[in-house]
Amino acid sequence: MTREEDVQKVLEYIVEKEGKIDVVVNNAGVAAPGLFSCSHSSNTNIPHLAALGPIVEQSLDTVKQVFDTNTFSILRVCKAVVPTMAKQKAGTIVNIGSIMGEM
């Protein structure tokens, strides 16, 4: 979700395989640093972005990764699929939020 090239590859694969794209559900998200501590993931391919303590104690790279995943990835996916959906004159985009945005 954080690389435009990857989003484009997935979209191209779906359209090639299915001939269209009907629905996109944006549900990517990671915990913001400073809110709580996550236990270490057993999957070493998943970055461990949540941390304990004030946000000012987090590295800028961590904060940027979290913001990119939680904010820009939604826009990145929408920008990728809207031209295809507009050409089809059909399609639905669902953005799923979380209470975490209020905390």
Protein backbone atom coordinates (compact mmCIF):
# COMPACT_ATOMS: atom_id res chain seq x y z
CA MET A 1 0.00 0.00 0.00
CA THR A 2 2.92 2.34 0.50
CA ARG A 3 4.44 1.92 -2.97
CA GLU A 4 2.66 3.35 -5.98
CA GLU A 5 4.27 0.75 -8.25
CA ASP A 6 2.86 -2.11 -6.16
CA VAL A 7 -0.65 -0.63 -6.12
CA GLN A 8 -0.51 -0.21 -9.90
CA LYS A 9 0.69 -3.80 -10.41
CA VAL A 10 -2.19 -5.17 -8.32
CA LEU A 11 -4.73 -3.04 -10.19
CA GLU A 12 -3.35 -4.13 -13.56
CA TYR A 13 -3.44 -7.80 -12.47
CA ILE A 14 -7.08 -7.55 -11.34
CA VAL A 15 -8.24 -5.78 -14.49
CA GLU A 16 -6.33 -8.24 -16.69
CA LYS A 17 -7.71 -11.25 -14.80
CA GLU A 18 -11.30 -10.05 -14.23
CA GLY A 19 -11.73 -7.50 -17.01
CA LYS A 20 -12.83 -4.81 -14.54
CA ILE A 21 -12.68 -3.70 -10.93
CA ASP A 22 -15.96 -3.32 -9.09
CA VAL A 23 -15.06 -2.66 -5.45
CA VAL A 24 -12.05 -1.41 -3.53
CA VAL A 25 -11.94 -1.60 0.26
CA ASN A 26 -9.27 0.55 1.88
CA ASN A 27 -8.58 -1.02 5.25
CA ALA A 28 -4.81 -0.69 5.65
CA GLY A 29 -3.60 0.77 8.90
CA VAL A 30 -1.00 0.54 11.60
CA ALA A 31 -1.00 1.79 15.17
CA ALA A 32 0.29 5.30 15.66
CA PRO A 33 3.46 5.57 17.72
CA GLY A 34 3.02 6.73 21.27
CA LEU A 35 -0.49 5.39 21.86
CA PHE A 36 0.28 1.90 23.11
CA SER A 37 2.73 -0.93 22.86
CA CYS A 38 2.16 -3.87 20.51
CA SER A 39 3.57 -7.29 21.24
CA HIS A 40 6.27 -8.35 18.82
CA SER A 41 4.83 -9.91 15.69
CA SER A 42 5.81 -13.50 14.98
CA ASN A 43 5.78 -12.57 11.29
CA THR A 44 9.15 -10.89 10.75
CA ASN A 45 7.98 -9.48 7.40
CA ILE A 46 5.60 -7.08 9.15
CA PRO A 47 7.28 -3.93 10.45
CA HIS A 48 6.77 -3.25 14.15
CA LEU A 49 5.68 0.41 14.05
CA ALA A 50 3.81 0.91 17.31
CA ALA A 51 5.84 2.11 20.26
CA LEU A 52 5.37 3.18 23.85
CA GLY A 53 5.91 6.82 24.78
CA PRO A 54 5.37 10.31 23.42
CA ILE A 55 5.38 10.79 19.66
CA VAL A 56 8.34 13.17 19.98
CA GLU A 57 10.40 10.19 21.12
CA GLN A 58 9.68 8.33 17.87
CA SER A 59 11.97 8.58 14.89
CA LEU A 60 10.71 10.71 12.02
CA ASP A 61 11.03 7.67 9.76
CA THR A 62 8.61 5.70 11.96
CA VAL A 63 6.11 8.55 12.08
CA LYS A 64 6.37 8.99 8.30
CA GLN A 65 5.79 5.25 7.72
CA VAL A 66 2.70 5.27 9.93
CA PHE A 67 1.31 8.41 8.28
CA ASP A 68 2.05 7.03 4.82
CA THR A 69 0.24 3.78 5.58
CA ASN A 70 -2.75 5.32 7.38
CA THR A 71 -3.27 8.40 5.20
CA PHE A 72 -1.48 8.44 1.87
CA SER A 73 -2.17 4.77 1.08
CA ILE A 74 -5.90 5.51 0.93
CA LEU A 75 -5.36 8.34 -1.52
CA ARG A 76 -2.77 6.30 -3.46
CA VAL A 77 -5.25 3.44 -4.01
CA CYS A 78 -8.13 5.78 -4.87
CA LYS A 79 -6.03 7.68 -7.41
CA ALA A 80 -5.03 4.37 -9.00
CA VAL A 81 -8.55 2.91 -9.33
CA VAL A 82 -10.67 5.99 -10.10
CA PRO A 83 -9.58 6.30 -13.76
CA THR A 84 -10.50 2.65 -14.37
CA MET A 85 -13.83 2.97 -12.55
CA ALA A 86 -14.62 6.20 -14.40
CA LYS A 87 -13.92 4.51 -17.73
CA GLN A 88 -16.24 1.64 -16.67
CA LYS A 89 -18.82 4.18 -15.44
CA ALA A 90 -19.16 2.02 -12.33
CA GLY A 91 -17.38 1.07 -9.14
CA THR A 92 -17.45 1.49 -5.39
CA ILE A 93 -14.70 2.57 -3.00
CA VAL A 94 -15.12 1.84 0.70
CA ASN A 95 -12.80 3.52 3.19
CA ILE A 96 -12.84 1.89 6.60
CA GLY A 97 -11.82 4.10 9.47
CA SER A 98 -11.12 3.36 13.09
CA ILE A 99 -11.73 4.81 16.53
CA MET A 100 -7.95 5.21 16.63
CA GLY A 101 -8.39 8.37 14.57
CA GLU A 102 -10.26 9.91 17.48
CA MET A 103 -7.70 8.94 20.13
